[in-house]
Amino acid sequence: MKSDRLLSILLLLQTRGRVPAHELAERLEVSVRTIYRDIEALSASGVPVYAERGRHGGIELLAGFRTDVTGLTADESRALFILAAQGAHAALGLDDALGSALRKVMAALPEPHRPAAELMSRRVLVDSARWMPGARGPDPAAAAIVDFDVLRDAVFADRRLRLRYRHSGDAGPSTCTVDPYGLVAKAGVWYLVADRRGAPRLFRADRVRSATVTEAPVRRREGVELADVWGVLKRQVEERPVGVEVTARVARRRYELFLRLHGHRLGGPPEDDGASEWLTVSLGFGVIGEARSLLPFGGDLEVLSPPEVRAELARAAAAVTELYGAGPGAGNG
């Protein structure tokens, strides 16, 4: 811990110039006395650091002194290369600057850490943007992620994965063997990107019911990287045509939950007059039957149009009423 703190002090002084001792103590969560002891230790090791007392005093390095040491641990090196997917920096005009910065950081890393850092940049992507409005993204029903460590291990060990996976709308999980390219965090939700029988597939991590790393080496398509496959799958989700446009009203008190579950279907912000207890929203569904996913909101959500969707929800609600009105076991025939 002390060596990490000494390095942190050194890097802060290089970056900031003169820094008051009390500010260093607050940043590093130690006492001012400890900071002065650390300064003595740095000075004894040959670092030209000195302290000036008084109102405008502080701790400072001798002018012109620089060090190239990064002091990064293996985990810190890998963490630096988990970066936003292409597009986040492009919006700021910083894609070229990002590439240049990464090359400099890679060159400065200790030699033993470079392979792991490079592999991390190829196997993990972070895409902070939500799915495009109206896109038919994966069902965002909340569930605990099962065997996430196994998914990660398979990705970095370049091994095939055996999955039991529940697809959206399926009655139960099915089993398949996949060839993983990597993991993507999309708007805070983890996905496994993999080939199944040579075709790209997207597996939502919280729908994985079990995962097993096989002994077989992964069979990725030659020359294809995670970023390439993710780009294809992302376009497939966001460009999938919306077959049914639905207008509904949602109780204001349930809107936050509605947004978490159906935000990926919204065609824009809700209509809000600021006074009503209801918000009016527009959603997109692939087929009419998908609108049944609105039923759990009960009387806190009403579909206003089209009539075909209202009729579909009425039929579904009537079937449930008939089932429970007939008494236990009556629906088994």
C-alpha atoms as a PDB file:
ATOM      1  CA  MET A   1       0.000   0.000   0.000  1.00  0.00           C
ATOM      2  CA  LYS A   2       2.826   2.440   0.832  1.00  0.00           C
ATOM      3  CA  SER A   3       4.557   1.885  -2.521  1.00  0.00           C
ATOM      4  CA  ASP A   4       1.272   2.552  -4.347  1.00  0.00           C
ATOM      5  CA  ARG A   5       0.776   5.709  -2.291  1.00  0.00           C
ATOM      6  CA  LEU A   6       4.303   6.952  -3.026  1.00  0.00           C
ATOM      7  CA  LEU A   7       3.750   6.409  -6.732  1.00  0.00           C
ATOM      8  CA  SER A   8       0.389   8.207  -6.545  1.00  0.00           C
ATOM      9  CA  ILE A   9       2.054  11.195  -4.858  1.00  0.00           C
ATOM     10  CA  LEU A  10       4.764  11.266  -7.513  1.00  0.00           C
ATOM     11  CA  LEU A  11       2.284  11.151 -10.397  1.00  0.00           C
ATOM     12  CA  LEU A  12       0.051  13.798  -8.791  1.00  0.00           C
ATOM     13  CA  LEU A  13       2.998  16.147  -8.352  1.00  0.00           C
ATOM     14  CA  GLN A  14       4.091  15.574 -11.951  1.00  0.00           C
ATOM     15  CA  THR A  15       0.588  16.368 -13.172  1.00  0.00           C
ATOM     16  CA  ARG A  16      -0.419  19.172 -10.832  1.00  0.00           C
ATOM     17  CA  GLY A  17       2.811  20.885  -9.842  1.00  0.00           C
ATOM     18  CA  ARG A  18       2.660  22.294  -6.307  1.00  0.00           C
ATOM     19  CA  VAL A  19       0.005  20.570  -4.168  1.00  0.00           C
ATOM     20  CA  PRO A  20      -0.807  21.402  -0.508  1.00  0.00           C
ATOM     21  CA  ALA A  21      -0.074  18.580   1.923  1.00  0.00           C
ATOM     22  CA  HIS A  22      -3.648  18.587   3.250  1.00  0.00           C
ATOM     23  CA  GLU A  23      -4.992  18.080  -0.295  1.00  0.00           C
ATOM     24  CA  LEU A  24      -2.691  15.109  -0.869  1.00  0.00           C
ATOM     25  CA  ALA A  25      -3.814  13.698   2.490  1.00  0.00           C
ATOM     26  CA  GLU A  26      -7.488  14.022   1.494  1.00  0.00           C
ATOM     27  CA  ARG A  27      -6.944  12.501  -1.946  1.00  0.00           C
ATOM     28  CA  LEU A  28      -5.035   9.517  -0.544  1.00  0.00           C
ATOM     29  CA  GLU A  29      -7.140   9.186   2.638  1.00  0.00           C
ATOM     30  CA  VAL A  30      -4.229   9.426   5.081  1.00  0.00           C
ATOM     31  CA  SER A  31      -3.061  11.995   7.619  1.00  0.00           C
ATOM     32  CA  VAL A  32      -0.926  15.028   6.794  1.00  0.00           C
ATOM     33  CA  ARG A  33       1.795  13.568   9.013  1.00  0.00           C
ATOM     34  CA  THR A  34       1.821  10.424   6.843  1.00  0.00           C
ATOM     35  CA  ILE A  35       2.168  12.573   3.720  1.00  0.00           C
ATOM     36  CA  TYR A  36       5.261  14.288   5.141  1.00  0.00           C
ATOM     37  CA  ARG A  37       6.758  10.903   6.034  1.00  0.00           C
ATOM     38  CA  ASP A  38       6.102   9.759   2.458  1.00  0.00           C
ATOM     39  CA  ILE A  39       7.815  12.879   1.105  1.00  0.00           C
ATOM     40  CA  GLU A  40      10.864  12.080   3.216  1.00  0.00           C
ATOM     41  CA  ALA A  41      10.860   8.537   1.809  1.00  0.00           C
ATOM     42  CA  LEU A  42      10.699   9.850  -1.774  1.00  0.00           C
ATOM     43  CA  SER A  43      13.520  12.287  -1.093  1.00  0.00           C
ATOM     44  CA  ALA A  44      15.658   9.543   0.450  1.00  0.00           C
ATOM     45  CA  SER A  45      15.171   7.434  -2.689  1.00  0.00           C
ATOM     46  CA  GLY A  46      16.532  10.203  -4.902  1.00  0.00           C
ATOM     47  CA  VAL A  47      13.352  11.962  -6.022  1.00  0.00           C
ATOM     48  CA  PRO A  48      13.937  15.766  -5.943  1.00  0.00           C
ATOM     49  CA  VAL A  49      10.835  16.682  -3.936  1.00  0.00           C
ATOM     50  CA  TYR A  50      10.566  19.479  -1.387  1.00  0.00           C
ATOM     51  CA  ALA A  51       7.959  21.176   0.787  1.00  0.00           C
ATOM     52  CA  GLU A  52       7.330  24.885   1.283  1.00  0.00           C
ATOM     53  CA  ARG A  53       5.403  26.014   4.303  1.00  0.00           C
ATOM     54  CA  GLY A  54       3.159  29.058   4.566  1.00  0.00           C
ATOM     55  CA  ARG A  55      -0.127  30.234   3.125  1.00  0.00           C
ATOM     56  CA  HIS A  56       0.849  29.545  -0.485  1.00  0.00           C
ATOM     57  CA  GLY A  57       3.129  26.620   0.278  1.00  0.00           C
ATOM     58  CA  GLY A  58       2.852  23.022  -0.697  1.00  0.00           C
ATOM     59  CA  ILE A  59       4.797  20.022  -1.912  1.00  0.00           C
ATOM     60  CA  GLU A  60       6.522  20.213  -5.277  1.00  0.00           C
ATOM     61  CA  LEU A  61       9.010  18.443  -7.511  1.00  0.00           C
ATOM     62  CA  LEU A  62      12.161  20.174  -8.672  1.00  0.00           C
ATOM     63  CA  ALA A  63      11.450  22.005 -11.947  1.00  0.00           C
ATOM     64  CA  GLY A  64      12.068  19.825 -15.004  1.00  0.00           C
ATOM     65  CA  PHE A  65      12.031  16.502 -13.172  1.00  0.00           C
ATOM     66  CA  ARG A  66      10.014  13.791 -14.913  1.00  0.00           C
ATOM     67  CA  THR A  67       9.762  10.028 -14.561  1.00  0.00           C
ATOM     68  CA  ASP A  68       8.541   7.526 -17.138  1.00  0.00           C
ATOM     69  CA  VAL A  69       7.566   4.932 -14.560  1.00  0.00           C
ATOM     70  CA  THR A  70       3.878   3.997 -14.724  1.00  0.00           C
ATOM     71  CA  GLY A  71       3.761   1.578 -11.815  1.00  0.00           C
ATOM     72  CA  LEU A  72       0.712  -0.106 -13.340  1.00  0.00           C
ATOM     73  CA  THR A  73      -0.216  -3.530 -12.041  1.00  0.00           C
ATOM     74  CA  ALA A  74      -1.367  -6.288 -14.389  1.00  0.00           C
ATOM     75  CA  ASP A  75      -5.049  -5.680 -13.498  1.00  0.00           C
ATOM     76  CA  GLU A  76      -4.664  -1.914 -13.926  1.00  0.00           C
ATOM     77  CA  SER A  77      -3.064  -2.433 -17.325  1.00  0.00           C
ATOM     78  CA  ARG A  78      -5.953  -4.612 -18.483  1.00  0.00           C
ATOM     79  CA  ALA A  79      -8.537  -2.180 -17.098  1.00  0.00           C
ATOM     80  CA  LEU A  80      -7.153   0.672 -19.203  1.00  0.00           C
ATOM     81  CA  PHE A  81      -7.913  -1.241 -22.385  1.00  0.00           C
ATOM     82  CA  ILE A  82     -11.605  -1.890 -21.658  1.00  0.00           C
ATOM     83  CA  LEU A  83     -12.759   1.021 -23.728  1.00  0.00           C
ATOM     84  CA  ALA A  84     -15.899   2.381 -25.317  1.00  0.00           C
ATOM     85  CA  ALA A  85     -16.943   0.836 -28.612  1.00  0.00           C
ATOM     86  CA  GLN A  86     -16.229   2.815 -31.760  1.00  0.00           C
ATOM     87  CA  GLY A  87     -18.532   5.812 -32.001  1.00  0.00           C
ATOM     88  CA  ALA A  88     -18.313   7.203 -28.471  1.00  0.00           C
ATOM     89  CA  HIS A  89     -15.041   8.985 -29.242  1.00  0.00           C
ATOM     90  CA  ALA A  90     -15.966   9.667 -32.867  1.00  0.00           C
ATOM     91  CA  ALA A  91     -18.831  11.889 -31.683  1.00  0.00           C
ATOM     92  CA  LEU A  92     -16.203  14.132 -30.057  1.00  0.00           C
ATOM     93  CA  GLY A  93     -13.784  13.875 -32.961  1.00  0.00           C
ATOM     94  CA  LEU A  94     -11.324  11.962 -30.789  1.00  0.00           C
ATOM     95  CA  ASP A  95     -11.039   8.557 -32.507  1.00  0.00           C
ATOM     96  CA  ASP A  96      -7.549   9.326 -33.876  1.00  0.00           C
ATOM     97  CA  ALA A  97      -6.458  10.779 -30.530  1.00  0.00           C
ATOM     98  CA  LEU A  98      -7.705   7.660 -28.732  1.00  0.00           C
ATOM     99  CA  GLY A  99      -5.703   5.370 -31.005  1.00  0.00           C
ATOM    100  CA  SER A 100      -2.591   7.480 -30.521  1.00  0.00           C
ATOM    101  CA  ALA A 101      -3.040   7.540 -26.734  1.00  0.00           C
ATOM    102  CA  LEU A 102      -3.454   3.766 -26.579  1.00  0.00           C
ATOM    103  CA  ARG A 103      -0.294   3.199 -28.585  1.00  0.00           C
ATOM    104  CA  LYS A 104       1.628   5.427 -26.171  1.00  0.00           C
ATOM    105  CA  VAL A 105       0.162   3.691 -23.121  1.00  0.00           C
ATOM    106  CA  MET A 106       0.931   0.267 -24.591  1.00  0.00           C
ATOM    107  CA  ALA A 107       4.533   1.297 -25.249  1.00  0.00           C
ATOM    108  CA  ALA A 108       4.863   2.513 -21.647  1.00  0.00           C
ATOM    109  CA  LEU A 109       3.469  -0.654 -20.085  1.00  0.00           C
ATOM    110  CA  PRO A 110       5.856  -3.120 -18.471  1.00  0.00           C
ATOM    111  CA  GLU A 111       6.665  -5.800 -21.046  1.00  0.00           C
ATOM    112  CA  PRO A 112       4.992  -8.674 -19.100  1.00  0.00           C
ATOM    113  CA  HIS A 113       1.662  -6.793 -18.991  1.00  0.00           C
ATOM    114  CA  ARG A 114       1.383  -5.971 -22.696  1.00  0.00           C
ATOM    115  CA  PRO A 115      -0.064  -9.271 -24.028  1.00  0.00           C
ATOM    116  CA  ALA A 116      -2.869  -9.314 -21.435  1.00  0.00           C
ATOM    117  CA  ALA A 117      -3.721  -5.659 -22.074  1.00  0.00           C
ATOM    118  CA  GLU A 118      -3.811  -6.200 -25.847  1.00  0.00           C
ATOM    119  CA  LEU A 119      -6.013  -9.280 -25.435  1.00  0.00           C
ATOM    120  CA  MET A 120      -8.405  -7.359 -23.187  1.00  0.00           C
ATOM    121  CA  SER A 121      -8.863  -4.699 -25.867  1.00  0.00           C
ATOM    122  CA  ARG A 122      -9.862  -7.420 -28.376  1.00  0.00           C
ATOM    123  CA  ARG A 123     -12.185  -9.415 -26.113  1.00  0.00           C
ATOM    124  CA  VAL A 124     -14.190  -6.776 -24.222  1.00  0.00           C
ATOM    125  CA  LEU A 125     -16.166  -3.792 -25.533  1.00  0.00           C
ATOM    126  CA  VAL A 126     -18.214  -1.192 -23.700  1.00  0.00           C
ATOM    127  CA  ASP A 127     -21.037   0.504 -25.618  1.00  0.00           C
ATOM    128  CA  SER A 128     -22.758   2.976 -23.303  1.00  0.00           C
ATOM    129  CA  ALA A 129     -25.487   4.057 -25.742  1.00  0.00           C
ATOM    130  CA  ARG A 130     -28.952   2.577 -25.296  1.00  0.00           C
ATOM    131  CA  TRP A 131     -30.507   0.560 -28.083  1.00  0.00           C
ATOM    132  CA  MET A 132     -31.892   2.871 -30.747  1.00  0.00           C
ATOM    133  CA  PRO A 133     -35.488   4.069 -30.077  1.00  0.00           C
ATOM    134  CA  GLY A 134     -37.939   1.633 -31.609  1.00  0.00           C
ATOM    135  CA  ALA A 135     -35.335  -1.087 -32.059  1.00  0.00           C
ATOM    136  CA  ARG A 136     -36.434  -4.569 -31.158  1.00  0.00           C
ATOM    137  CA  GLY A 137     -33.627  -5.261 -28.788  1.00  0.00           C
ATOM    138  CA  PRO A 138     -33.434  -8.306 -26.524  1.00  0.00           C
ATOM    139  CA  ASP A 139     -36.087  -8.608 -23.822  1.00  0.00           C
ATOM    140  CA  PRO A 140     -34.722  -6.695 -20.825  1.00  0.00           C
ATOM    141  CA  ALA A 141     -36.421  -8.807 -18.139  1.00  0.00           C
ATOM    142  CA  ALA A 142     -34.198  -8.687 -15.071  1.00  0.00           C
ATOM    143  CA  ALA A 143     -32.389 -11.840 -13.999  1.00  0.00           C
ATOM    144  CA  ALA A 144     -29.232 -12.742 -12.150  1.00  0.00           C
ATOM    145  CA  ILE A 145     -26.233 -13.547 -14.335  1.00  0.00           C
ATOM    146  CA  VAL A 146     -25.378 -17.223 -13.978  1.00  0.00           C
ATOM    147  CA  ASP A 147     -21.787 -18.401 -14.498  1.00  0.00           C
ATOM    148  CA  PHE A 148     -20.491 -15.038 -15.753  1.00  0.00           C
ATOM    149  CA  ASP A 149     -16.994 -16.092 -14.670  1.00  0.00           C
ATOM    150  CA  VAL A 150     -17.303 -19.117 -16.953  1.00  0.00           C
ATOM    151  CA  LEU A 151     -18.212 -16.903 -19.921  1.00  0.00           C
ATOM    152  CA  ARG A 152     -15.215 -14.701 -19.186  1.00  0.00           C
ATOM    153  CA  ASP A 153     -12.863 -17.673 -18.823  1.00  0.00           C
ATOM    154  CA  ALA A 154     -13.949 -19.158 -22.148  1.00  0.00           C
ATOM    155  CA  VAL A 155     -13.465 -15.812 -23.906  1.00  0.00           C
ATOM    156  CA  PHE A 156      -9.905 -15.385 -22.669  1.00  0.00           C
ATOM    157  CA  ALA A 157      -8.918 -19.056 -22.900  1.00  0.00           C
ATOM    158  CA  ASP A 158     -10.136 -19.294 -26.530  1.00  0.00           C
ATOM    159  CA  ARG A 159     -12.340 -22.315 -25.797  1.00  0.00           C
ATOM    160  CA  ARG A 160     -15.762 -23.310 -27.086  1.00  0.00           C
ATOM    161  CA  LEU A 161     -18.731 -22.887 -24.742  1.00  0.00           C
ATOM    162  CA  ARG A 162     -21.645 -25.187 -24.013  1.00  0.00           C
ATOM    163  CA  LEU A 163     -24.680 -23.081 -23.050  1.00  0.00           C
ATOM    164  CA  ARG A 164     -28.148 -23.683 -21.682  1.00  0.00           C
ATOM    165  CA  TYR A 165     -29.881 -20.523 -22.823  1.00  0.00           C
ATOM    166  CA  ARG A 166     -33.390 -19.096 -22.618  1.00  0.00           C
ATOM    167  CA  HIS A 167     -34.318 -17.195 -25.755  1.00  0.00           C
ATOM    168  CA  SER A 168     -36.985 -14.490 -25.600  1.00  0.00           C
ATOM    169  CA  GLY A 169     -40.424 -16.056 -25.683  1.00  0.00           C
ATOM    170  CA  ASP A 170     -39.169 -19.628 -25.247  1.00  0.00           C
ATOM    171  CA  ALA A 171     -40.946 -21.886 -22.776  1.00  0.00           C
ATOM    172  CA  GLY A 172     -37.640 -23.217 -21.491  1.00  0.00           C
ATOM    173  CA  PRO A 173     -33.888 -23.088 -22.098  1.00  0.00           C
ATOM    174  CA  SER A 174     -32.236 -24.895 -24.992  1.00  0.00           C
ATOM    175  CA  THR A 175     -28.665 -26.192 -25.294  1.00  0.00           C
ATOM    176  CA  CYS A 176     -26.084 -25.146 -27.872  1.00  0.00           C
ATOM    177  CA  THR A 177     -22.318 -24.977 -28.442  1.00  0.00           C
ATOM    178  CA  VAL A 178     -20.888 -21.612 -29.443  1.00  0.00           C
ATOM    179  CA  ASP A 179     -17.567 -20.050 -30.428  1.00  0.00           C
ATOM    180  CA  PRO A 180     -17.107 -16.825 -28.417  1.00  0.00           C
ATOM    181  CA  TYR A 181     -15.500 -13.659 -29.750  1.00  0.00           C
ATOM    182  CA  GLY A 182     -15.883 -11.650 -26.569  1.00  0.00           C
ATOM    183  CA  LEU A 183     -18.130  -9.787 -24.123  1.00  0.00           C
ATOM    184  CA  VAL A 184     -19.954  -6.509 -24.718  1.00  0.00           C
ATOM    185  CA  ALA A 185     -21.488  -4.251 -22.068  1.00  0.00           C
ATOM    186  CA  LYS A 186     -24.332  -2.476 -23.864  1.00  0.00           C
ATOM    187  CA  ALA A 187     -25.918   0.283 -21.750  1.00  0.00           C
ATOM    188  CA  GLY A 188     -25.014  -1.626 -18.591  1.00  0.00           C
ATOM    189  CA  VAL A 189     -26.205  -5.048 -19.816  1.00  0.00           C
ATOM    190  CA  TRP A 190     -23.669  -7.784 -20.606  1.00  0.00           C
ATOM    191  CA  TYR A 191     -23.860  -9.817 -23.830  1.00  0.00           C
ATOM    192  CA  LEU A 192     -21.811 -12.732 -25.111  1.00  0.00           C
ATOM    193  CA  VAL A 193     -20.934 -12.327 -28.785  1.00  0.00           C
ATOM    194  CA  ALA A 194     -20.331 -15.679 -30.446  1.00  0.00           C
ATOM    195  CA  ASP A 195     -20.744 -17.760 -33.583  1.00  0.00           C
ATOM    196  CA  ARG A 196     -23.207 -20.637 -33.600  1.00  0.00           C
ATOM    197  CA  ARG A 197     -22.633 -22.996 -36.503  1.00  0.00           C
ATOM    198  CA  GLY A 198     -20.571 -20.281 -38.182  1.00  0.00           C
ATOM    199  CA  ALA A 199     -23.226 -17.539 -37.921  1.00  0.00           C
ATOM    200  CA  PRO A 200     -22.977 -14.537 -35.549  1.00  0.00           C
ATOM    201  CA  ARG A 201     -25.279 -14.600 -32.512  1.00  0.00           C
ATOM    202  CA  LEU A 202     -25.936 -12.348 -29.520  1.00  0.00           C
ATOM    203  CA  PHE A 203     -26.556 -14.001 -26.130  1.00  0.00           C
ATOM    204  CA  ARG A 204     -27.766 -11.899 -23.237  1.00  0.00           C
ATOM    205  CA  ALA A 205     -25.673 -12.929 -20.210  1.00  0.00           C
ATOM    206  CA  ASP A 206     -28.563 -12.913 -17.734  1.00  0.00           C
ATOM    207  CA  ARG A 207     -30.446 -15.480 -19.848  1.00  0.00           C
ATOM    208  CA  VAL A 208     -27.633 -18.023 -19.615  1.00  0.00           C
ATOM    209  CA  ARG A 209     -28.889 -20.760 -17.313  1.00  0.00           C
ATOM    210  CA  SER A 210     -25.591 -22.658 -17.245  1.00  0.00           C
ATOM    211  CA  ALA A 211     -22.269 -22.509 -19.064  1.00  0.00           C
ATOM    212  CA  THR A 212     -19.429 -24.997 -19.444  1.00  0.00           C
ATOM    213  CA  VAL A 213     -16.020 -24.382 -20.965  1.00  0.00           C
ATOM    214  CA  THR A 214     -15.169 -27.283 -23.258  1.00  0.00           C
ATOM    215  CA  GLU A 215     -11.713 -28.616 -24.072  1.00  0.00           C
ATOM    216  CA  ALA A 216     -12.211 -27.833 -27.755  1.00  0.00           C
ATOM    217  CA  PRO A 217     -10.438 -24.732 -29.103  1.00  0.00           C
ATOM    218  CA  VAL A 218     -12.637 -21.906 -30.354  1.00  0.00           C
ATOM    219  CA  ARG A 219     -13.433 -21.864 -34.090  1.00  0.00           C
ATOM    220  CA  ARG A 220     -13.605 -18.205 -35.051  1.00  0.00           C
ATOM    221  CA  ARG A 221     -13.883 -17.048 -38.632  1.00  0.00           C
ATOM    222  CA  GLU A 222     -10.456 -16.100 -39.947  1.00  0.00           C
ATOM    223  CA  GLY A 223      -9.648 -12.401 -39.703  1.00  0.00           C
ATOM    224  CA  VAL A 224     -12.854 -11.560 -37.813  1.00  0.00           C
ATOM    225  CA  GLU A 225     -12.650  -9.707 -34.487  1.00  0.00           C
ATOM    226  CA  LEU A 226     -15.156  -8.925 -31.732  1.00  0.00           C
ATOM    227  CA  ALA A 227     -15.684  -5.358 -32.984  1.00  0.00           C
ATOM    228  CA  ASP A 228     -16.584  -6.676 -36.456  1.00  0.00           C
ATOM    229  CA  VAL A 229     -19.163  -9.174 -35.193  1.00  0.00           C
ATOM    230  CA  TRP A 230     -20.642  -6.683 -32.725  1.00  0.00           C
ATOM    231  CA  GLY A 231     -21.087  -4.130 -35.518  1.00  0.00           C
ATOM    232  CA  VAL A 232     -23.056  -6.655 -37.600  1.00  0.00           C
ATOM    233  CA  LEU A 233     -25.258  -7.820 -34.708  1.00  0.00           C
ATOM    234  CA  LYS A 234     -25.941  -4.283 -33.521  1.00  0.00           C
ATOM    235  CA  ARG A 235     -27.128  -3.244 -36.978  1.00  0.00           C
ATOM    236  CA  GLN A 236     -29.370  -6.315 -37.193  1.00  0.00           C
ATOM    237  CA  VAL A 237     -31.093  -5.354 -33.941  1.00  0.00           C
ATOM    238  CA  GLU A 238     -31.423  -1.637 -34.614  1.00  0.00           C
ATOM    239  CA  GLU A 239     -32.385  -1.877 -38.278  1.00  0.00           C
ATOM    240  CA  ARG A 240     -34.946  -4.635 -37.829  1.00  0.00           C
ATOM    241  CA  PRO A 241     -38.246  -3.237 -39.163  1.00  0.00           C
ATOM    242  CA  VAL A 242     -41.014  -2.389 -36.725  1.00  0.00           C
ATOM    243  CA  GLY A 243     -44.216  -4.095 -37.844  1.00  0.00           C
ATOM    244  CA  VAL A 244     -46.715  -2.673 -35.362  1.00  0.00           C
ATOM    245  CA  GLU A 245     -46.829   0.908 -34.071  1.00  0.00           C
ATOM    246  CA  VAL A 246     -48.597   1.177 -30.716  1.00  0.00           C
ATOM    247  CA  THR A 247     -49.787   4.227 -28.796  1.00  0.00           C
ATOM    248  CA  ALA A 248     -50.384   3.704 -25.083  1.00  0.00           C
ATOM    249  CA  ARG A 249     -50.734   5.641 -21.865  1.00  0.00           C
ATOM    250  CA  VAL A 250     -48.698   4.704 -18.786  1.00  0.00           C
ATOM    251  CA  ALA A 251     -49.306   5.701 -15.175  1.00  0.00           C
ATOM    252  CA  ARG A 252     -46.675   8.249 -14.189  1.00  0.00           C
ATOM    253  CA  ARG A 253     -45.794   6.322 -11.025  1.00  0.00           C
ATOM    254  CA  ARG A 254     -44.920   3.228 -13.077  1.00  0.00           C
ATOM    255  CA  TYR A 255     -43.054   5.001 -15.867  1.00  0.00           C
ATOM    256  CA  GLU A 256     -39.579   4.359 -14.479  1.00  0.00           C
ATOM    257  CA  LEU A 257     -40.210   0.605 -14.448  1.00  0.00           C
ATOM    258  CA  PHE A 258     -41.841   0.817 -17.887  1.00  0.00           C
ATOM    259  CA  LEU A 259     -38.767   2.601 -19.218  1.00  0.00           C
ATOM    260  CA  ARG A 260     -36.448  -0.114 -17.896  1.00  0.00           C
ATOM    261  CA  LEU A 261     -38.504  -2.887 -19.479  1.00  0.00           C
ATOM    262  CA  HIS A 262     -39.628  -1.266 -22.733  1.00  0.00           C
ATOM    263  CA  GLY A 263     -37.339   1.713 -23.260  1.00  0.00           C
ATOM    264  CA  HIS A 264     -35.725   0.010 -26.258  1.00  0.00           C
ATOM    265  CA  ARG A 265     -39.129   0.044 -28.029  1.00  0.00           C
ATOM    266  CA  LEU A 266     -39.883   3.742 -27.582  1.00  0.00           C
ATOM    267  CA  GLY A 267     -40.127   5.930 -30.660  1.00  0.00           C
ATOM    268  CA  GLY A 268     -39.369   9.113 -28.729  1.00  0.00           C
ATOM    269  CA  PRO A 269     -39.974  10.922 -25.427  1.00  0.00           C
ATOM    270  CA  PRO A 270     -43.419  10.634 -23.814  1.00  0.00           C
ATOM    271  CA  GLU A 271     -46.132  13.259 -24.156  1.00  0.00           C
ATOM    272  CA  ASP A 272     -46.371  14.940 -20.766  1.00  0.00           C
ATOM    273  CA  ASP A 273     -48.656  17.864 -19.940  1.00  0.00           C
ATOM    274  CA  GLY A 274     -47.203  18.053 -16.441  1.00  0.00           C
ATOM    275  CA  ALA A 275     -50.605  17.759 -14.768  1.00  0.00           C
ATOM    276  CA  SER A 276     -52.058  14.369 -15.707  1.00  0.00           C
ATOM    277  CA  GLU A 277     -51.209  11.138 -13.899  1.00  0.00           C
ATOM    278  CA  TRP A 278     -50.686   9.552 -17.318  1.00  0.00           C
ATOM    279  CA  LEU A 279     -47.908   9.756 -19.902  1.00  0.00           C
ATOM    280  CA  THR A 280     -48.581   8.945 -23.559  1.00  0.00           C
ATOM    281  CA  VAL A 281     -45.952   6.897 -25.368  1.00  0.00           C
ATOM    282  CA  SER A 282     -45.332   5.406 -28.824  1.00  0.00           C
ATOM    283  CA  LEU A 283     -43.812   1.926 -29.101  1.00  0.00           C
ATOM    284  CA  GLY A 284     -42.777  -0.427 -31.856  1.00  0.00           C
ATOM    285  CA  PHE A 285     -43.353  -4.210 -31.915  1.00  0.00           C
ATOM    286  CA  GLY A 286     -42.395  -6.745 -34.541  1.00  0.00           C
ATOM    287  CA  VAL A 287     -45.741  -8.557 -34.435  1.00  0.00           C
ATOM    288  CA  ILE A 288     -49.007  -8.017 -32.575  1.00  0.00           C
ATOM    289  CA  GLY A 289     -48.404 -10.906 -30.186  1.00  0.00           C
ATOM    290  CA  GLU A 290     -45.312  -9.223 -28.750  1.00  0.00           C
ATOM    291  CA  ALA A 291     -47.556  -6.550 -27.242  1.00  0.00           C
ATOM    292  CA  ARG A 292     -48.654  -9.125 -24.633  1.00  0.00           C
ATOM    293  CA  SER A 293     -45.483  -8.156 -22.776  1.00  0.00           C
ATOM    294  CA  LEU A 294     -47.423  -5.040 -21.665  1.00  0.00           C
ATOM    295  CA  LEU A 295     -49.964  -7.058 -19.681  1.00  0.00           C
ATOM    296  CA  PRO A 296     -47.964  -7.223 -16.411  1.00  0.00           C
ATOM    297  CA  PHE A 297     -48.661  -3.510 -15.930  1.00  0.00           C
ATOM    298  CA  GLY A 298     -52.362  -4.299 -15.499  1.00  0.00           C
ATOM    299  CA  GLY A 299     -54.474  -1.181 -15.101  1.00  0.00           C
ATOM    300  CA  ASP A 300     -51.415   1.071 -15.035  1.00  0.00           C
ATOM    301  CA  LEU A 301     -51.020   0.838 -18.818  1.00  0.00           C
ATOM    302  CA  GLU A 302     -53.669   1.156 -21.524  1.00  0.00           C
ATOM    303  CA  VAL A 303     -53.106   0.637 -25.243  1.00  0.00           C
ATOM    304  CA  LEU A 304     -54.963   3.378 -27.106  1.00  0.00           C
ATOM    305  CA  SER A 305     -54.297   2.152 -30.652  1.00  0.00           C
ATOM    306  CA  PRO A 306     -54.371   0.224 -32.912  1.00  0.00           C
ATOM    307  CA  PRO A 307     -57.597  -1.716 -32.278  1.00  0.00           C
ATOM    308  CA  GLU A 308     -55.937  -5.007 -33.238  1.00  0.00           C
ATOM    309  CA  VAL A 309     -53.515  -4.743 -30.326  1.00  0.00           C
ATOM    310  CA  ARG A 310     -56.298  -3.817 -27.889  1.00  0.00           C
ATOM    311  CA  ALA A 311     -58.210  -6.896 -29.057  1.00  0.00           C
ATOM    312  CA  GLU A 312     -55.119  -9.116 -28.642  1.00  0.00           C
ATOM    313  CA  LEU A 313     -54.602  -7.930 -25.056  1.00  0.00           C
ATOM    314  CA  ALA A 314     -58.310  -8.373 -24.310  1.00  0.00           C
ATOM    315  CA  ARG A 315     -58.166 -11.983 -25.530  1.00  0.00           C
ATOM    316  CA  ALA A 316     -55.095 -12.684 -23.420  1.00  0.00           C
ATOM    317  CA  ALA A 317     -56.668 -11.127 -20.333  1.00  0.00           C
ATOM    318  CA  ALA A 318     -59.908 -13.043 -20.896  1.00  0.00           C
ATOM    319  CA  ALA A 319     -57.996 -16.327 -21.139  1.00  0.00           C
ATOM    320  CA  VAL A 320     -56.318 -15.654 -17.800  1.00  0.00           C
ATOM    321  CA  THR A 321     -59.651 -14.681 -16.209  1.00  0.00           C
ATOM    322  CA  GLU A 322     -61.283 -17.864 -17.493  1.00  0.00           C
ATOM    323  CA  LEU A 323     -58.411 -20.019 -16.250  1.00  0.00           C
ATOM    324  CA  TYR A 324     -58.485 -18.699 -12.692  1.00  0.00           C
ATOM    325  CA  GLY A 325     -62.257 -18.338 -12.563  1.00  0.00           C
ATOM    326  CA  ALA A 326     -62.773 -22.039 -13.271  1.00  0.00           C
ATOM    327  CA  GLY A 327     -61.037 -23.240 -10.116  1.00  0.00           C
ATOM    328  CA  PRO A 328     -57.733 -25.095  -9.537  1.00  0.00           C
ATOM    329  CA  GLY A 329     -56.948 -27.768 -12.144  1.00  0.00           C
ATOM    330  CA  ALA A 330     -59.929 -26.954 -14.353  1.00  0.00           C
ATOM    331  CA  GLY A 331     -57.718 -25.778 -17.159  1.00  0.00           C
ATOM    332  CA  ASN A 332     -56.001 -29.169 -17.536  1.00  0.00           C
ATOM    333  CA  GLY A 333     -58.872 -30.565 -19.556  1.00  0.00           C
END
